[in-house]
Amino acid sequence: FGGGRIVDAAKMAAKKSNIPFISVPTAISHDGIASNRAVLEIYSAPAVMPTGILVDSDIIIKSPYRLTAAGFGDMVSKLTAVEDWELSNDEIGEYISEYAATINRTAADLVIRSAKSIKNLEKKGLENLIEALVFSGIAMAIAGSSRPASGSEHMFSHALKELYPKKTSLHGEECAVGSILCSYLHNMDWPRIVEALKVVGAPTNNEELKIPREIIIKALSEAKNIRKDRYTILDYKDIDEKKAEIAAKETGVIE
């Protein structure tokens, strides 16, 4: 009963104790509410899925809105995660579950279409976001890894944590900005992501994240080293600081 860290702790405790647990999130800041993985420090580790998930939309409405917007950002970032997974399948033959990939791409698209409703805290919009986050957890269970939910944009977030430990931005906010950058690198419709994030009031640039521009550039250029076992667009395009700066400027993430 609580937020992301508490639910993650419960998942690990349930795994070690070999007992079931029910997830009752009081905020929806990321997809950890339903996944079979728990974040320890930077990396996620295998845990157990909840036996059941109870989410009261009235409680979510009363939670800090910033957490809901961060959950929106985390869900939108699945678009680039799936693109990275498909790229890895094409380039190096990594296994991909088309079913898991389709779940997250479809869920992310639905959430983007629900942006205005989510911003207005309408029940239908919140239900769409909650269900999308739950299905993302299910997609990870199907895939047997975090691949359908975590790609270059999450590696960017982890790099920010290493390079700028005093940051105050949330994981979902960082992944959202990472998805802007990485969707640009993928030649995706990145303006659509920016527009949706602005509708819900989530950060779209370094000033809103309160992170120096040079850290943004360095994080994007070094993100590929966070998980060398995970092939992404950062490897495919061999992103260095010069390329990272161009991407950040072109997308408005930095001025």
Foldseek 3Di string as FASTA:
>chain_A
DEAQQVLLVVQAVCQVVVHAAEQEYLEQQALSSFAQWHDDQQDIDGGGGHPYYDYDLVSHVVPPLLSVLLLLLLLLLLLQLLVFVVVCCVPVNDDDDPVLLVLSVVLNVVLLVLLLVVLVSHPVSSVSSVVNSNSLNVSCVVVVHNSSRDDLQSLLLSLLCVVPVVFDADSSLSSNLSSLLSCVLVVHPSVSSVVSSVSNVGDNACVSSVHDPQSSLQSSLCSCVSDVVRGGSCVVVVRHSVNSNVSCVVSVNDD
